Amino acid sequence: MTLTMIAILSVILFSSAADREGKGDRRQTAGEVVTVDTASKVLVVRDAEGEKRVIVDDKTVVTGAKKAIVDLRAGDKVFIEIQTVMGRQVVKKIVVKPERTIILKPDTQKQDVQ
């Protein structure tokens, strides 16, 4: 019984330490930006499961069509990597998908989609 309790406590303490060190649960999702609040560092993204409220911080990396959190707008299509840190959902990486543009070629009247 005592050995079992020690084992359980070790697992709990190790899990908490992993969270504090930024090695907690990681997940990824793709969706659309609903709101961005740079003052409170909150991003709301709608994915297949619904809306997710996540935290952005100074270590959040933004790549793709935009390069900074302040550039994000409602409607942007994003891919985000989320990590659980001390019980909070923190965004580690945001990849912003480029908007699709249609270019008409005058000589062929065909459309190129980029």
PDB file of N, CA and C in Angstrom:
ATOM      1  N   MET A   1       0.819  -1.199   0.000  1.00  0.00           N
ATOM      2  CA  MET A   1       0.000   0.000   0.000  1.00  0.00           C
ATOM      3  C   MET A   1       0.866   1.267   0.000  1.00  0.00           C
ATOM      4  N   THR A   2       1.878   1.295   0.861  1.00  0.00           N
ATOM      5  CA  THR A   2       2.750   2.455   0.948  1.00  0.00           C
ATOM      6  C   THR A   2       3.522   2.647  -0.347  1.00  0.00           C
ATOM      7  N   LEU A   3       3.982   1.561  -0.937  1.00  0.00           N
ATOM      8  CA  LEU A   3       4.720   1.639  -2.197  1.00  0.00           C
ATOM      9  C   LEU A   3       3.824   2.179  -3.315  1.00  0.00           C
ATOM     10  N   THR A   4       2.565   1.776  -3.315  1.00  0.00           N
ATOM     11  CA  THR A   4       1.611   2.262  -4.313  1.00  0.00           C
ATOM     12  C   THR A   4       1.395   3.763  -4.150  1.00  0.00           C
ATOM     13  N   MET A   5       1.242   4.229  -2.933  1.00  0.00           N
ATOM     14  CA  MET A   5       1.047   5.659  -2.676  1.00  0.00           C
ATOM     15  C   MET A   5       2.269   6.466  -3.122  1.00  0.00           C
ATOM     16  N   ILE A   6       3.460   5.956  -2.867  1.00  0.00           N
ATOM     17  CA  ILE A   6       4.679   6.650  -3.285  1.00  0.00           C
ATOM     18  C   ILE A   6       4.736   6.742  -4.800  1.00  0.00           C
ATOM     19  N   ALA A   7       4.374   5.644  -5.472  1.00  0.00           N
ATOM     20  CA  ALA A   7       4.381   5.639  -6.933  1.00  0.00           C
ATOM     21  C   ALA A   7       3.393   6.658  -7.488  1.00  0.00           C
ATOM     22  N   ILE A   8       2.195   6.716  -6.917  1.00  0.00           N
ATOM     23  CA  ILE A   8       1.166   7.662  -7.377  1.00  0.00           C
ATOM     24  C   ILE A   8       1.625   9.102  -7.149  1.00  0.00           C
ATOM     25  N   LEU A   9       2.168   9.389  -5.984  1.00  0.00           N
ATOM     26  CA  LEU A   9       2.651  10.739  -5.695  1.00  0.00           C
ATOM     27  C   LEU A   9       3.794  11.128  -6.617  1.00  0.00           C
ATOM     28  N   SER A  10       4.666  10.185  -6.937  1.00  0.00           N
ATOM     29  CA  SER A  10       5.768  10.466  -7.862  1.00  0.00           C
ATOM     30  C   SER A  10       5.245  10.860  -9.232  1.00  0.00           C
ATOM     31  N   VAL A  11       4.233  10.151  -9.715  1.00  0.00           N
ATOM     32  CA  VAL A  11       3.646  10.465 -11.022  1.00  0.00           C
ATOM     33  C   VAL A  11       3.016  11.851 -10.999  1.00  0.00           C
ATOM     34  N   ILE A  12       2.290  12.164  -9.942  1.00  0.00           N
ATOM     35  CA  ILE A  12       1.641  13.477  -9.830  1.00  0.00           C
ATOM     36  C   ILE A  12       2.685  14.586  -9.780  1.00  0.00           C
ATOM     37  N   LEU A  13       3.707  14.426  -8.976  1.00  0.00           N
ATOM     38  CA  LEU A  13       4.746  15.451  -8.866  1.00  0.00           C
ATOM     39  C   LEU A  13       5.508  15.601 -10.169  1.00  0.00           C
ATOM     40  N   PHE A  14       5.821  14.498 -10.847  1.00  0.00           N
ATOM     41  CA  PHE A  14       6.528  14.571 -12.116  1.00  0.00           C
ATOM     42  C   PHE A  14       5.682  15.282 -13.160  1.00  0.00           C
ATOM     43  N   SER A  15       4.373  14.992 -13.208  1.00  0.00           N
ATOM     44  CA  SER A  15       3.483  15.641 -14.173  1.00  0.00           C
ATOM     45  C   SER A  15       3.416  17.136 -13.927  1.00  0.00           C
ATOM     46  N   SER A  16       3.326  17.542 -12.669  1.00  0.00           N
ATOM     47  CA  SER A  16       3.272  18.969 -12.350  1.00  0.00           C
ATOM     48  C   SER A  16       4.579  19.657 -12.724  1.00  0.00           C
ATOM     49  N   ALA A  17       5.704  19.004 -12.479  1.00  0.00           N
ATOM     50  CA  ALA A  17       7.000  19.583 -12.832  1.00  0.00           C
ATOM     51  C   ALA A  17       7.124  19.722 -14.343  1.00  0.00           C
ATOM     52  N   ALA A  18       6.630  18.740 -15.081  1.00  0.00           N
ATOM     53  CA  ALA A  18       6.685  18.813 -16.547  1.00  0.00           C
ATOM     54  C   ALA A  18       5.866  19.989 -17.043  1.00  0.00           C
ATOM     55  N   ASP A  19       4.696  20.224 -16.441  1.00  0.00           N
ATOM     56  CA  ASP A  19       3.878  21.373 -16.825  1.00  0.00           C
ATOM     57  C   ASP A  19       4.611  22.677 -16.566  1.00  0.00           C
ATOM     58  N   ARG A  20       5.232  22.807 -15.395  1.00  0.00           N
ATOM     59  CA  ARG A  20       5.943  24.045 -15.049  1.00  0.00           C
ATOM     60  C   ARG A  20       7.118  24.292 -15.985  1.00  0.00           C
ATOM     61  N   GLU A  21       7.742  23.233 -16.458  1.00  0.00           N
ATOM     62  CA  GLU A  21       8.898  23.381 -17.334  1.00  0.00           C
ATOM     63  C   GLU A  21       8.497  23.546 -18.790  1.00  0.00           C
ATOM     64  N   GLY A  22       7.201  23.571 -19.077  1.00  0.00           N
ATOM     65  CA  GLY A  22       6.766  23.748 -20.452  1.00  0.00           C
ATOM     66  C   GLY A  22       6.790  22.466 -21.260  1.00  0.00           C
ATOM     67  N   LYS A  23       6.754  21.329 -20.590  1.00  0.00           N
ATOM     68  CA  LYS A  23       6.773  20.050 -21.292  1.00  0.00           C
ATOM     69  C   LYS A  23       5.429  19.347 -21.166  1.00  0.00           C
ATOM     70  N   GLY A  24       4.368  20.099 -20.970  1.00  0.00           N
ATOM     71  CA  GLY A  24       3.040  19.518 -20.801  1.00  0.00           C
ATOM     72  C   GLY A  24       2.464  19.027 -22.120  1.00  0.00           C
ATOM     73  N   ASP A  25       1.211  18.664 -22.066  1.00  0.00           N
ATOM     74  CA  ASP A  25       0.476  18.140 -23.217  1.00  0.00           C
ATOM     75  C   ASP A  25       0.526  19.112 -24.391  1.00  0.00           C
ATOM     76  N   ARG A  26       0.845  18.608 -25.581  1.00  0.00           N
ATOM     77  CA  ARG A  26       0.856  19.438 -26.800  1.00  0.00           C
ATOM     78  C   ARG A  26      -0.183  18.923 -27.771  1.00  0.00           C
ATOM     79  N   ARG A  27      -0.906  19.843 -28.402  1.00  0.00           N
ATOM     80  CA  ARG A  27      -1.861  19.484 -29.443  1.00  0.00           C
ATOM     81  C   ARG A  27      -1.788  20.507 -30.552  1.00  0.00           C
ATOM     82  N   GLN A  28      -2.361  20.117 -31.677  1.00  0.00           N
ATOM     83  CA  GLN A  28      -2.392  21.010 -32.831  1.00  0.00           C
ATOM     84  C   GLN A  28      -3.809  21.052 -33.369  1.00  0.00           C
ATOM     85  N   THR A  29      -4.171  22.193 -33.919  1.00  0.00           N
ATOM     86  CA  THR A  29      -5.483  22.320 -34.540  1.00  0.00           C
ATOM     87  C   THR A  29      -5.425  23.394 -35.624  1.00  0.00           C
ATOM     88  N   ALA A  30      -6.354  23.291 -36.548  1.00  0.00           N
ATOM     89  CA  ALA A  30      -6.479  24.292 -37.609  1.00  0.00           C
ATOM     90  C   ALA A  30      -7.852  24.930 -37.483  1.00  0.00           C
ATOM     91  N   GLY A  31      -7.920  26.227 -37.735  1.00  0.00           N
ATOM     92  CA  GLY A  31      -9.198  26.908 -37.623  1.00  0.00           C
ATOM     93  C   GLY A  31      -9.125  28.330 -38.121  1.00  0.00           C
ATOM     94  N   GLU A  32     -10.081  29.120 -37.632  1.00  0.00           N
ATOM     95  CA  GLU A  32     -10.205  30.509 -38.055  1.00  0.00           C
ATOM     96  C   GLU A  32     -10.177  31.408 -36.827  1.00  0.00           C
ATOM     97  N   VAL A  33      -9.442  32.505 -36.932  1.00  0.00           N
ATOM     98  CA  VAL A  33      -9.369  33.465 -35.831  1.00  0.00           C
ATOM     99  C   VAL A  33     -10.736  34.129 -35.661  1.00  0.00           C
ATOM    100  N   VAL A  34     -11.236  34.130 -34.425  1.00  0.00           N
ATOM    101  CA  VAL A  34     -12.489  34.818 -34.103  1.00  0.00           C
ATOM    102  C   VAL A  34     -12.175  36.191 -33.541  1.00  0.00           C
ATOM    103  N   THR A  35     -11.318  36.229 -32.516  1.00  0.00           N
ATOM    104  CA  THR A  35     -10.890  37.510 -31.931  1.00  0.00           C
ATOM    105  C   THR A  35      -9.434  37.427 -31.498  1.00  0.00           C
ATOM    106  N   VAL A  36      -8.802  38.586 -31.457  1.00  0.00           N
ATOM    107  CA  VAL A  36      -7.433  38.713 -30.953  1.00  0.00           C
ATOM    108  C   VAL A  36      -7.440  39.885 -29.979  1.00  0.00           C
ATOM    109  N   ASP A  37      -6.998  39.633 -28.765  1.00  0.00           N
ATOM    110  CA  ASP A  37      -6.875  40.703 -27.769  1.00  0.00           C
ATOM    111  C   ASP A  37      -5.408  40.758 -27.358  1.00  0.00           C
ATOM    112  N   THR A  38      -4.662  41.663 -27.979  1.00  0.00           N
ATOM    113  CA  THR A  38      -3.227  41.736 -27.707  1.00  0.00           C
ATOM    114  C   THR A  38      -2.929  42.275 -26.303  1.00  0.00           C
ATOM    115  N   ALA A  39      -3.827  43.088 -25.753  1.00  0.00           N
ATOM    116  CA  ALA A  39      -3.601  43.642 -24.415  1.00  0.00           C
ATOM    117  C   ALA A  39      -3.644  42.539 -23.354  1.00  0.00           C
ATOM    118  N   SER A  40      -4.647  41.658 -23.436  1.00  0.00           N
ATOM    119  CA  SER A  40      -4.750  40.579 -22.449  1.00  0.00           C
ATOM    120  C   SER A  40      -4.112  39.293 -22.943  1.00  0.00           C
ATOM    121  N   LYS A  41      -3.549  39.318 -24.169  1.00  0.00           N
ATOM    122  CA  LYS A  41      -2.846  38.189 -24.763  1.00  0.00           C
ATOM    123  C   LYS A  41      -3.735  36.953 -24.886  1.00  0.00           C
ATOM    124  N   VAL A  42      -4.952  37.175 -25.403  1.00  0.00           N
ATOM    125  CA  VAL A  42      -5.912  36.094 -25.594  1.00  0.00           C
ATOM    126  C   VAL A  42      -6.288  36.000 -27.068  1.00  0.00           C
ATOM    127  N   LEU A  43      -6.304  34.783 -27.572  1.00  0.00           N
ATOM    128  CA  LEU A  43      -6.687  34.498 -28.943  1.00  0.00           C
ATOM    129  C   LEU A  43      -7.841  33.515 -28.902  1.00  0.00           C
ATOM    130  N   VAL A  44      -8.901  33.795 -29.661  1.00  0.00           N
ATOM    131  CA  VAL A  44     -10.027  32.861 -29.771  1.00  0.00           C
ATOM    132  C   VAL A  44     -10.030  32.334 -31.196  1.00  0.00           C
ATOM    133  N   VAL A  45      -9.972  30.997 -31.308  1.00  0.00           N
ATOM    134  CA  VAL A  45      -9.937  30.327 -32.602  1.00  0.00           C
ATOM    135  C   VAL A  45     -11.105  29.351 -32.677  1.00  0.00           C
ATOM    136  N   ARG A  46     -11.793  29.341 -33.822  1.00  0.00           N
ATOM    137  CA  ARG A  46     -12.882  28.384 -34.047  1.00  0.00           C
ATOM    138  C   ARG A  46     -12.341  27.245 -34.904  1.00  0.00           C
ATOM    139  N   ASP A  47     -12.434  26.009 -34.372  1.00  0.00           N
ATOM    140  CA  ASP A  47     -12.025  24.839 -35.136  1.00  0.00           C
ATOM    141  C   ASP A  47     -13.211  23.883 -35.243  1.00  0.00           C
ATOM    142  N   ALA A  48     -12.975  22.653 -35.657  1.00  0.00           N
ATOM    143  CA  ALA A  48     -14.054  21.687 -35.856  1.00  0.00           C
ATOM    144  C   ALA A  48     -14.802  21.374 -34.564  1.00  0.00           C
ATOM    145  N   GLU A  49     -14.159  21.546 -33.422  1.00  0.00           N
ATOM    146  CA  GLU A  49     -14.781  21.255 -32.126  1.00  0.00           C
ATOM    147  C   GLU A  49     -15.503  22.461 -31.526  1.00  0.00           C
ATOM    148  N   GLY A  50     -15.329  23.630 -32.095  1.00  0.00           N
ATOM    149  CA  GLY A  50     -15.943  24.836 -31.545  1.00  0.00           C
ATOM    150  C   GLY A  50     -14.895  25.906 -31.303  1.00  0.00           C
ATOM    151  N   GLU A  51     -15.217  26.856 -30.430  1.00  0.00           N
ATOM    152  CA  GLU A  51     -14.285  27.948 -30.144  1.00  0.00           C
ATOM    153  C   GLU A  51     -13.347  27.589 -29.005  1.00  0.00           C
ATOM    154  N   LYS A  52     -12.076  27.930 -29.176  1.00  0.00           N
ATOM    155  CA  LYS A  52     -11.065  27.711 -28.159  1.00  0.00           C
ATOM    156  C   LYS A  52     -10.475  29.062 -27.757  1.00  0.00           C
ATOM    157  N   ARG A  53     -10.409  29.309 -26.464  1.00  0.00           N
ATOM    158  CA  ARG A  53      -9.781  30.520 -25.926  1.00  0.00           C
ATOM    159  C   ARG A  53      -8.409  30.108 -25.442  1.00  0.00           C
ATOM    160  N   VAL A  54      -7.365  30.660 -26.050  1.00  0.00           N
ATOM    161  CA  VAL A  54      -5.992  30.283 -25.720  1.00  0.00           C
ATOM    162  C   VAL A  54      -5.165  31.526 -25.428  1.00  0.00           C
ATOM    163  N   ILE A  55      -4.048  31.301 -24.771  1.00  0.00           N
ATOM    164  CA  ILE A  55      -3.167  32.387 -24.355  1.00  0.00           C
ATOM    165  C   ILE A  55      -1.984  32.470 -25.324  1.00  0.00           C
ATOM    166  N   VAL A  56      -1.608  33.684 -25.703  1.00  0.00           N
ATOM    167  CA  VAL A  56      -0.368  33.909 -26.453  1.00  0.00           C
ATOM    168  C   VAL A  56       0.592  34.631 -25.524  1.00  0.00           C
ATOM    169  N   ASP A  57       1.879  34.385 -25.711  1.00  0.00           N
ATOM    170  CA  ASP A  57       2.868  35.063 -24.878  1.00  0.00           C
ATOM    171  C   ASP A  57       4.036  35.530 -25.732  1.00  0.00           C
ATOM    172  N   ASP A  58       5.068  36.034 -25.084  1.00  0.00           N
ATOM    173  CA  ASP A  58       6.220  36.574 -25.808  1.00  0.00           C
ATOM    174  C   ASP A  58       6.991  35.492 -26.565  1.00  0.00           C
ATOM    175  N   LYS A  59       6.780  34.229 -26.190  1.00  0.00           N
ATOM    176  CA  LYS A  59       7.471  33.123 -26.849  1.00  0.00           C
ATOM    177  C   LYS A  59       6.663  32.530 -28.010  1.00  0.00           C
ATOM    178  N   THR A  60       5.435  33.001 -28.221  1.00  0.00           N
ATOM    179  CA  THR A  60       4.612  32.500 -29.320  1.00  0.00           C
ATOM    180  C   THR A  60       5.233  32.941 -30.652  1.00  0.00           C
ATOM    181  N   VAL A  61       5.451  31.972 -31.536  1.00  0.00           N
ATOM    182  CA  VAL A  61       6.057  32.228 -32.840  1.00  0.00           C
ATOM    183  C   VAL A  61       4.950  32.311 -33.887  1.00  0.00           C
ATOM    184  N   VAL A  62       4.969  33.370 -34.713  1.00  0.00           N
ATOM    185  CA  VAL A  62       3.992  33.543 -35.788  1.00  0.00           C
ATOM    186  C   VAL A  62       4.736  33.450 -37.114  1.00  0.00           C
ATOM    187  N   THR A  63       4.274  32.548 -37.988  1.00  0.00           N
ATOM    188  CA  THR A  63       4.898  32.383 -39.302  1.00  0.00           C
ATOM    189  C   THR A  63       3.813  32.316 -40.371  1.00  0.00           C
ATOM    190  N   GLY A  64       4.240  32.239 -41.606  1.00  0.00           N
ATOM    191  CA  GLY A  64       3.297  32.137 -42.716  1.00  0.00           C
ATOM    192  C   GLY A  64       3.007  33.506 -43.304  1.00  0.00           C
ATOM    193  N   ALA A  65       1.732  33.744 -43.613  1.00  0.00           N
ATOM    194  CA  ALA A  65       1.321  34.975 -44.282  1.00  0.00           C
ATOM    195  C   ALA A  65       1.486  36.218 -43.402  1.00  0.00           C
ATOM    196  N   LYS A  66       1.528  36.043 -42.084  1.00  0.00           N
ATOM    197  CA  LYS A  66       1.719  37.171 -41.165  1.00  0.00           C
ATOM    198  C   LYS A  66       2.836  36.808 -40.207  1.00  0.00           C
ATOM    199  N   LYS A  67       3.484  37.810 -39.654  1.00  0.00           N
ATOM    200  CA  LYS A  67       4.683  37.574 -38.853  1.00  0.00           C
ATOM    201  C   LYS A  67       4.574  37.977 -37.393  1.00  0.00           C
ATOM    202  N   ALA A  68       3.434  38.565 -36.977  1.00  0.00           N
ATOM    203  CA  ALA A  68       3.300  39.007 -35.588  1.00  0.00           C
ATOM    204  C   ALA A  68       1.850  38.856 -35.130  1.00  0.00           C
ATOM    205  N   ILE A  69       1.678  38.690 -33.846  1.00  0.00           N
ATOM    206  CA  ILE A  69       0.340  38.532 -33.274  1.00  0.00           C
ATOM    207  C   ILE A  69      -0.513  39.766 -33.541  1.00  0.00           C
ATOM    208  N   VAL A  70       0.090  40.953 -33.509  1.00  0.00           N
ATOM    209  CA  VAL A  70      -0.665  42.189 -33.740  1.00  0.00           C
ATOM    210  C   VAL A  70      -1.210  42.266 -35.166  1.00  0.00           C
ATOM    211  N   ASP A  71      -0.661  41.476 -36.087  1.00  0.00           N
ATOM    212  CA  ASP A  71      -1.133  41.468 -37.476  1.00  0.00           C
ATOM    213  C   ASP A  71      -2.342  40.559 -37.694  1.00  0.00           C
ATOM    214  N   LEU A  72      -2.632  39.677 -36.729  1.00  0.00           N
ATOM    215  CA  LEU A  72      -3.752  38.749 -36.892  1.00  0.00           C
ATOM    216  C   LEU A  72      -5.083  39.483 -36.872  1.00  0.00           C
ATOM    217  N   ARG A  73      -6.021  39.016 -37.681  1.00  0.00           N
ATOM    218  CA  ARG A  73      -7.355  39.604 -37.775  1.00  0.00           C
ATOM    219  C   ARG A  73      -8.401  38.497 -37.759  1.00  0.00           C
ATOM    220  N   ALA A  74      -9.612  38.842 -37.346  1.00  0.00           N
ATOM    221  CA  ALA A  74     -10.724  37.894 -37.398  1.00  0.00           C
ATOM    222  C   ALA A  74     -10.871  37.411 -38.834  1.00  0.00           C
ATOM    223  N   GLY A  75     -11.061  36.118 -38.989  1.00  0.00           N
ATOM    224  CA  GLY A  75     -11.208  35.535 -40.317  1.00  0.00           C
ATOM    225  C   GLY A  75      -9.938  34.907 -40.863  1.00  0.00           C
ATOM    226  N   ASP A  76      -8.780  35.235 -40.272  1.00  0.00           N
ATOM    227  CA  ASP A  76      -7.530  34.608 -40.722  1.00  0.00           C
ATOM    228  C   ASP A  76      -7.596  33.108 -40.468  1.00  0.00           C
ATOM    229  N   LYS A  77      -7.151  32.338 -41.444  1.00  0.00           N
ATOM    230  CA  LYS A  77      -7.070  30.880 -41.310  1.00  0.00           C
ATOM    231  C   LYS A  77      -5.708  30.563 -40.699  1.00  0.00           C
ATOM    232  N   VAL A  78      -5.724  29.787 -39.607  1.00  0.00           N
ATOM    233  CA  VAL A  78      -4.487  29.501 -38.886  1.00  0.00           C
ATOM    234  C   VAL A  78      -4.373  28.025 -38.518  1.00  0.00           C
ATOM    235  N   PHE A  79      -3.151  27.628 -38.302  1.00  0.00           N
ATOM    236  CA  PHE A  79      -2.802  26.330 -37.741  1.00  0.00           C
ATOM    237  C   PHE A  79      -2.056  26.659 -36.463  1.00  0.00           C
ATOM    238  N   ILE A  80      -2.510  26.132 -35.314  1.00  0.00           N
ATOM    239  CA  ILE A  80      -1.856  26.487 -34.057  1.00  0.00           C
ATOM    240  C   ILE A  80      -1.382  25.240 -33.310  1.00  0.00           C
ATOM    241  N   GLU A  81      -0.282  25.421 -32.616  1.00  0.00           N
ATOM    242  CA  GLU A  81       0.247  24.394 -31.736  1.00  0.00           C
ATOM    243  C   GLU A  81       0.066  24.897 -30.313  1.00  0.00           C
ATOM    244  N   ILE A  82      -0.674  24.118 -29.513  1.00  0.00           N
ATOM    245  CA  ILE A  82      -1.036  24.524 -28.155  1.00  0.00           C
ATOM    246  C   ILE A  82      -0.344  23.607 -27.155  1.00  0.00           C
ATOM    247  N   GLN A  83       0.140  24.190 -26.060  1.00  0.00           N
ATOM    248  CA  GLN A  83       0.759  23.405 -25.008  1.00  0.00           C
ATOM    249  C   GLN A  83       0.118  23.770 -23.676  1.00  0.00           C
ATOM    250  N   THR A  84      -0.135  22.763 -22.844  1.00  0.00           N
ATOM    251  CA  THR A  84      -0.661  23.014 -21.514  1.00  0.00           C
ATOM    252  C   THR A  84       0.494  23.369 -20.596  1.00  0.00           C
ATOM    253  N   VAL A  85       0.445  24.584 -20.040  1.00  0.00           N
ATOM    254  CA  VAL A  85       1.484  25.058 -19.133  1.00  0.00           C
ATOM    255  C   VAL A  85       0.797  25.541 -17.864  1.00  0.00           C
ATOM    256  N   MET A  86       1.070  24.865 -16.781  1.00  0.00           N
ATOM    257  CA  MET A  86       0.466  25.192 -15.482  1.00  0.00           C
ATOM    258  C   MET A  86      -1.054  25.316 -15.580  1.00  0.00           C
ATOM    259  N   GLY A  87      -1.659  24.388 -16.310  1.00  0.00           N
ATOM    260  CA  GLY A  87      -3.110  24.345 -16.425  1.00  0.00           C
ATOM    261  C   GLY A  87      -3.711  25.295 -17.446  1.00  0.00           C
ATOM    262  N   ARG A  88      -2.879  26.077 -18.135  1.00  0.00           N
ATOM    263  CA  ARG A  88      -3.372  27.025 -19.138  1.00  0.00           C
ATOM    264  C   ARG A  88      -3.007  26.554 -20.533  1.00  0.00           C
ATOM    265  N   GLN A  89      -3.865  26.847 -21.493  1.00  0.00           N
ATOM    266  CA  GLN A  89      -3.615  26.506 -22.889  1.00  0.00           C
ATOM    267  C   GLN A  89      -2.829  27.650 -23.531  1.00  0.00           C
ATOM    268  N   VAL A  90      -1.532  27.429 -23.781  1.00  0.00           N
ATOM    269  CA  VAL A  90      -0.648  28.469 -24.310  1.00  0.00           C
ATOM    270  C   VAL A  90      -0.262  28.103 -25.739  1.00  0.00           C
ATOM    271  N   VAL A  91      -0.387  29.070 -26.639  1.00  0.00           N
ATOM    272  CA  VAL A  91      -0.028  28.850 -28.040  1.00  0.00           C
ATOM    273  C   VAL A  91       1.478  28.998 -28.186  1.00  0.00           C
ATOM    274  N   LYS A  92       2.112  27.953 -28.722  1.00  0.00           N
ATOM    275  CA  LYS A  92       3.555  27.986 -28.954  1.00  0.00           C
ATOM    276  C   LYS A  92       3.860  28.464 -30.367  1.00  0.00           C
ATOM    277  N   LYS A  93       3.003  28.084 -31.332  1.00  0.00           N
ATOM    278  CA  LYS A  93       3.271  28.443 -32.727  1.00  0.00           C
ATOM    279  C   LYS A  93       1.958  28.682 -33.459  1.00  0.00           C
ATOM    280  N   ILE A  94       1.943  29.724 -34.297  1.00  0.00           N
ATOM    281  CA  ILE A  94       0.808  30.043 -35.157  1.00  0.00           C
ATOM    282  C   ILE A  94       1.324  30.128 -36.587  1.00  0.00           C
ATOM    283  N   VAL A  95       0.724  29.335 -37.478  1.00  0.00           N
ATOM    284  CA  VAL A  95       1.051  29.427 -38.899  1.00  0.00           C
ATOM    285  C   VAL A  95      -0.171  30.011 -39.585  1.00  0.00           C
ATOM    286  N   VAL A  96      -0.022  31.178 -40.190  1.00  0.00           N
ATOM    287  CA  VAL A  96      -1.134  31.858 -40.845  1.00  0.00           C
ATOM    288  C   VAL A  96      -1.142  31.462 -42.319  1.00  0.00           C
ATOM    289  N   LYS A  97      -2.275  30.929 -42.752  1.00  0.00           N
ATOM    290  CA  LYS A  97      -2.399  30.516 -44.153  1.00  0.00           C
ATOM    291  C   LYS A  97      -2.604  31.747 -45.021  1.00  0.00           C
ATOM    292  N   PRO A  98      -1.969  31.767 -46.197  1.00  0.00           N
ATOM    293  CA  PRO A  98      -2.157  32.920 -47.093  1.00  0.00           C
ATOM    294  C   PRO A  98      -3.562  32.921 -47.674  1.00  0.00           C
ATOM    295  N   GLU A  99      -4.050  34.118 -47.958  1.00  0.00           N
ATOM    296  CA  GLU A  99      -5.348  34.230 -48.623  1.00  0.00           C
ATOM    297  C   GLU A  99      -5.199  33.755 -50.053  1.00  0.00           C
ATOM    298  N   ARG A 100      -6.228  33.127 -50.571  1.00  0.00           N
ATOM    299  CA  ARG A 100      -6.185  32.680 -51.962  1.00  0.00           C
ATOM    300  C   ARG A 100      -6.465  33.867 -52.872  1.00  0.00           C
ATOM    301  N   THR A 101      -5.695  33.955 -53.924  1.00  0.00           N
ATOM    302  CA  THR A 101      -5.911  35.008 -54.904  1.00  0.00           C
ATOM    303  C   THR A 101      -6.118  34.371 -56.270  1.00  0.00           C
ATOM    304  N   ILE A 102      -6.951  34.982 -57.084  1.00  0.00           N
ATOM    305  CA  ILE A 102      -7.212  34.491 -58.435  1.00  0.00           C
ATOM    306  C   ILE A 102      -6.618  35.490 -59.412  1.00  0.00           C
ATOM    307  N   ILE A 103      -5.770  34.979 -60.288  1.00  0.00           N
ATOM    308  CA  ILE A 103      -5.131  35.824 -61.291  1.00  0.00           C
ATOM    309  C   ILE A 103      -5.673  35.419 -62.656  1.00  0.00           C
ATOM    310  N   LEU A 104      -6.268  36.374 -63.379  1.00  0.00           N
ATOM    311  CA  LEU A 104      -6.758  36.102 -64.726  1.00  0.00           C
ATOM    312  C   LEU A 104      -5.656  36.413 -65.729  1.00  0.00           C
ATOM    313  N   LYS A 105      -5.369  35.432 -66.569  1.00  0.00           N
ATOM    314  CA  LYS A 105      -4.378  35.653 -67.625  1.00  0.00           C
ATOM    315  C   LYS A 105      -5.121  36.141 -68.860  1.00  0.00           C
ATOM    316  N   PRO A 106      -4.805  37.343 -69.341  1.00  0.00           N
ATOM    317  CA  PRO A 106      -5.568  37.929 -70.437  1.00  0.00           C
ATOM    318  C   PRO A 106      -5.476  37.135 -71.747  1.00  0.00           C
ATOM    319  N   ASP A 107      -4.359  36.496 -72.026  1.00  0.00           N
ATOM    320  CA  ASP A 107      -4.201  35.801 -73.309  1.00  0.00           C
ATOM    321  C   ASP A 107      -4.913  34.455 -73.350  1.00  0.00           C
ATOM    322  N   THR A 108      -5.125  33.806 -72.213  1.00  0.00           N
ATOM    323  CA  THR A 108      -5.723  32.468 -72.222  1.00  0.00           C
ATOM    324  C   THR A 108      -7.099  32.437 -71.570  1.00  0.00           C
ATOM    325  N   GLN A 109      -7.447  33.473 -70.824  1.00  0.00           N
ATOM    326  CA  GLN A 109      -8.691  33.541 -70.080  1.00  0.00           C
ATOM    327  C   GLN A 109      -8.833  32.390 -69.078  1.00  0.00           C
ATOM    328  N   LYS A 110      -7.716  31.821 -68.663  1.00  0.00           N
ATOM    329  CA  LYS A 110      -7.721  30.784 -67.633  1.00  0.00           C
ATOM    330  C   LYS A 110      -7.373  31.428 -66.306  1.00  0.00           C
ATOM    331  N   GLN A 111      -7.799  30.763 -65.257  1.00  0.00           N
ATOM    332  CA  GLN A 111      -7.527  31.282 -63.935  1.00  0.00           C
ATOM    333  C   GLN A 111      -6.416  30.488 -63.279  1.00  0.00           C
ATOM    334  N   ASP A 112      -5.488  31.177 -62.670  1.00  0.00           N
ATOM    335  CA  ASP A 112      -4.486  30.557 -61.820  1.00  0.00           C
ATOM    336  C   ASP A 112      -4.873  30.873 -60.394  1.00  0.00           C
ATOM    337  N   VAL A 113      -4.984  29.847 -59.553  1.00  0.00           N
ATOM    338  CA  VAL A 113      -5.310  30.065 -58.161  1.00  0.00           C
ATOM    339  C   VAL A 113      -4.039  29.865 -57.353  1.00  0.00           C
ATOM    340  N   GLN A 114      -3.731  30.866 -56.540  1.00  0.00           N
ATOM    341  CA  GLN A 114      -2.521  30.775 -55.697  1.00  0.00           C
ATOM    342  C   GLN A 114      -2.911  30.776 -54.259  1.00  0.00           C
TER     343      GLN A 114
END
